[in-house]
Amino acid sequence: MLQSLISLPDQDIELVITAVRQWCTMNDCEIDSNEGRRALTLAIDLVQYSSRTTVRRRDR
């Protein structure tokens, strides 16, 4: 999971961490809890998927 996070551009890392921290605050959990790690994994996956989709659309 952390390898996936550090492979993102700096602005995406900041976006993911900020979003997950906000989610954890709203859901009363810590970022290093099971729920926080799942949220982090999902956020990373969404950013990576979004990046791939954007690249494909530009290639058309």
N, C-alpha and C. Protein backbone atom coordinates (compact mmCIF):
# COMPACT_ATOMS: atom_id res chain seq x y z
N MET A 1 0.82 -1.18 0.00
CA MET A 1 0.00 0.00 0.00
C MET A 1 0.87 1.26 0.00
N LEU A 2 1.87 1.30 0.86
CA LEU A 2 2.72 2.49 0.90
C LEU A 2 3.53 2.65 -0.37
N GLN A 3 3.92 1.54 -0.99
CA GLN A 3 4.63 1.64 -2.28
C GLN A 3 3.73 2.28 -3.32
N SER A 4 2.47 1.92 -3.30
CA SER A 4 1.52 2.53 -4.24
C SER A 4 1.38 4.01 -3.97
N LEU A 5 1.36 4.39 -2.69
CA LEU A 5 1.22 5.79 -2.33
C LEU A 5 2.42 6.61 -2.79
N ILE A 6 3.62 6.11 -2.53
CA ILE A 6 4.80 6.90 -2.89
C ILE A 6 5.06 6.91 -4.39
N SER A 7 4.39 6.04 -5.14
CA SER A 7 4.55 6.05 -6.59
C SER A 7 3.70 7.15 -7.24
N LEU A 8 2.79 7.75 -6.46
CA LEU A 8 1.94 8.81 -6.98
C LEU A 8 2.70 10.14 -7.03
N PRO A 9 2.29 11.05 -7.90
CA PRO A 9 2.86 12.40 -7.88
C PRO A 9 2.56 13.08 -6.53
N ASP A 10 3.41 14.02 -6.15
CA ASP A 10 3.27 14.68 -4.85
C ASP A 10 1.87 15.25 -4.62
N GLN A 11 1.30 15.88 -5.63
CA GLN A 11 -0.03 16.49 -5.44
C GLN A 11 -1.09 15.43 -5.19
N ASP A 12 -0.95 14.26 -5.79
CA ASP A 12 -1.90 13.17 -5.56
C ASP A 12 -1.71 12.57 -4.17
N ILE A 13 -0.47 12.47 -3.71
CA ILE A 13 -0.21 11.97 -2.36
C ILE A 13 -0.89 12.89 -1.35
N GLU A 14 -0.72 14.18 -1.52
CA GLU A 14 -1.34 15.15 -0.61
C GLU A 14 -2.86 15.04 -0.65
N LEU A 15 -3.42 14.90 -1.84
CA LEU A 15 -4.86 14.75 -2.01
C LEU A 15 -5.37 13.51 -1.28
N VAL A 16 -4.71 12.38 -1.48
CA VAL A 16 -5.12 11.12 -0.86
C VAL A 16 -5.05 11.22 0.66
N ILE A 17 -3.95 11.71 1.18
CA ILE A 17 -3.78 11.77 2.64
C ILE A 17 -4.80 12.72 3.26
N THR A 18 -5.00 13.86 2.63
CA THR A 18 -5.98 14.82 3.14
C THR A 18 -7.38 14.23 3.14
N ALA A 19 -7.76 13.59 2.04
CA ALA A 19 -9.10 12.99 1.95
C ALA A 19 -9.29 11.89 2.98
N VAL A 20 -8.28 11.06 3.16
CA VAL A 20 -8.40 9.94 4.12
C VAL A 20 -8.42 10.46 5.55
N ARG A 21 -7.62 11.47 5.84
CA ARG A 21 -7.66 12.06 7.19
C ARG A 21 -9.04 12.63 7.49
N GLN A 22 -9.63 13.33 6.51
CA GLN A 22 -10.96 13.88 6.70
C GLN A 22 -11.98 12.75 6.90
N TRP A 23 -11.88 11.70 6.08
CA TRP A 23 -12.79 10.57 6.21
C TRP A 23 -12.66 9.94 7.59
N CYS A 24 -11.43 9.76 8.04
CA CYS A 24 -11.20 9.14 9.35
C CYS A 24 -11.77 10.01 10.47
N THR A 25 -11.61 11.32 10.36
CA THR A 25 -12.17 12.23 11.36
C THR A 25 -13.69 12.11 11.39
N MET A 26 -14.30 12.10 10.22
CA MET A 26 -15.76 12.00 10.14
C MET A 26 -16.28 10.66 10.63
N ASN A 27 -15.45 9.61 10.52
CA ASN A 27 -15.87 8.26 10.91
C ASN A 27 -15.24 7.80 12.22
N ASP A 28 -14.63 8.74 12.93
CA ASP A 28 -14.07 8.50 14.26
C ASP A 28 -13.14 7.28 14.29
N CYS A 29 -12.16 7.31 13.38
CA CYS A 29 -11.16 6.24 13.39
C CYS A 29 -9.79 6.85 13.08
N GLU A 30 -8.76 6.11 13.35
CA GLU A 30 -7.40 6.54 13.08
C GLU A 30 -6.98 6.09 11.69
N ILE A 31 -6.08 6.82 11.07
CA ILE A 31 -5.63 6.47 9.73
C ILE A 31 -4.88 5.13 9.73
N ASP A 32 -4.29 4.76 10.88
CA ASP A 32 -3.57 3.49 10.94
C ASP A 32 -4.42 2.33 11.47
N SER A 33 -5.74 2.57 11.60
CA SER A 33 -6.64 1.48 11.99
C SER A 33 -7.00 0.67 10.74
N ASN A 34 -7.68 -0.44 10.94
CA ASN A 34 -8.11 -1.25 9.80
C ASN A 34 -8.97 -0.44 8.84
N GLU A 35 -9.92 0.34 9.39
CA GLU A 35 -10.79 1.15 8.56
C GLU A 35 -10.00 2.23 7.82
N GLY A 36 -9.07 2.85 8.51
CA GLY A 36 -8.24 3.89 7.90
C GLY A 36 -7.37 3.34 6.78
N ARG A 37 -6.81 2.17 7.00
CA ARG A 37 -5.98 1.54 5.96
C ARG A 37 -6.82 1.15 4.74
N ARG A 38 -8.04 0.68 5.00
CA ARG A 38 -8.92 0.36 3.87
C ARG A 38 -9.28 1.62 3.08
N ALA A 39 -9.55 2.70 3.80
CA ALA A 39 -9.87 3.97 3.13
C ALA A 39 -8.67 4.46 2.33
N LEU A 40 -7.49 4.32 2.88
CA LEU A 40 -6.27 4.73 2.18
C LEU A 40 -6.06 3.90 0.92
N THR A 41 -6.25 2.60 1.04
CA THR A 41 -6.10 1.72 -0.13
C THR A 41 -7.10 2.08 -1.22
N LEU A 42 -8.34 2.31 -0.83
CA LEU A 42 -9.37 2.68 -1.80
C LEU A 42 -9.06 4.01 -2.47
N ALA A 43 -8.62 4.99 -1.68
CA ALA A 43 -8.30 6.31 -2.24
C ALA A 43 -7.14 6.21 -3.23
N ILE A 44 -6.13 5.44 -2.89
CA ILE A 44 -4.99 5.25 -3.81
C ILE A 44 -5.47 4.59 -5.09
N ASP A 45 -6.28 3.55 -4.96
CA ASP A 45 -6.80 2.87 -6.15
C ASP A 45 -7.61 3.81 -7.03
N LEU A 46 -8.44 4.64 -6.42
CA LEU A 46 -9.25 5.58 -7.18
C LEU A 46 -8.40 6.60 -7.92
N VAL A 47 -7.37 7.11 -7.27
CA VAL A 47 -6.49 8.08 -7.92
C VAL A 47 -5.73 7.42 -9.07
N GLN A 48 -5.23 6.20 -8.85
CA GLN A 48 -4.51 5.51 -9.92
C GLN A 48 -5.44 5.19 -11.08
N TYR A 49 -6.65 4.76 -10.81
CA TYR A 49 -7.61 4.46 -11.86
C TYR A 49 -7.96 5.72 -12.63
N SER A 50 -8.18 6.80 -11.90
CA SER A 50 -8.51 8.08 -12.53
C SER A 50 -7.38 8.55 -13.43
N SER A 51 -6.15 8.37 -13.01
CA SER A 51 -4.99 8.77 -13.82
C SER A 51 -4.93 7.96 -15.10
N ARG A 52 -5.16 6.66 -15.00
CA ARG A 52 -5.12 5.80 -16.20
C ARG A 52 -6.24 6.16 -17.16
N THR A 53 -7.42 6.43 -16.63
CA THR A 53 -8.56 6.78 -17.47
C THR A 53 -8.31 8.09 -18.18
N THR A 54 -7.73 9.06 -17.50
CA THR A 54 -7.45 10.37 -18.08
C THR A 54 -6.43 10.24 -19.21
N VAL A 55 -5.40 9.41 -19.00
CA VAL A 55 -4.38 9.21 -20.03
C VAL A 55 -5.00 8.58 -21.26
N ARG A 56 -5.85 7.60 -21.09
CA ARG A 56 -6.50 6.95 -22.22
C ARG A 56 -7.36 7.92 -23.00
N ARG A 57 -8.07 8.79 -22.32
CA ARG A 57 -8.93 9.75 -23.00
C ARG A 57 -8.10 10.75 -23.80
N ARG A 58 -6.95 11.13 -23.29
CA ARG A 58 -6.08 12.06 -24.02
C ARG A 58 -5.52 11.44 -25.28
N ASP A 59 -5.32 10.12 -25.25
CA ASP A 59 -4.73 9.42 -26.40
C ASP A 59 -5.70 9.29 -27.57
N ARG A 60 -6.96 9.47 -27.33
CA ARG A 60 -7.97 9.29 -28.39
C ARG A 60 -7.93 10.38 -29.42
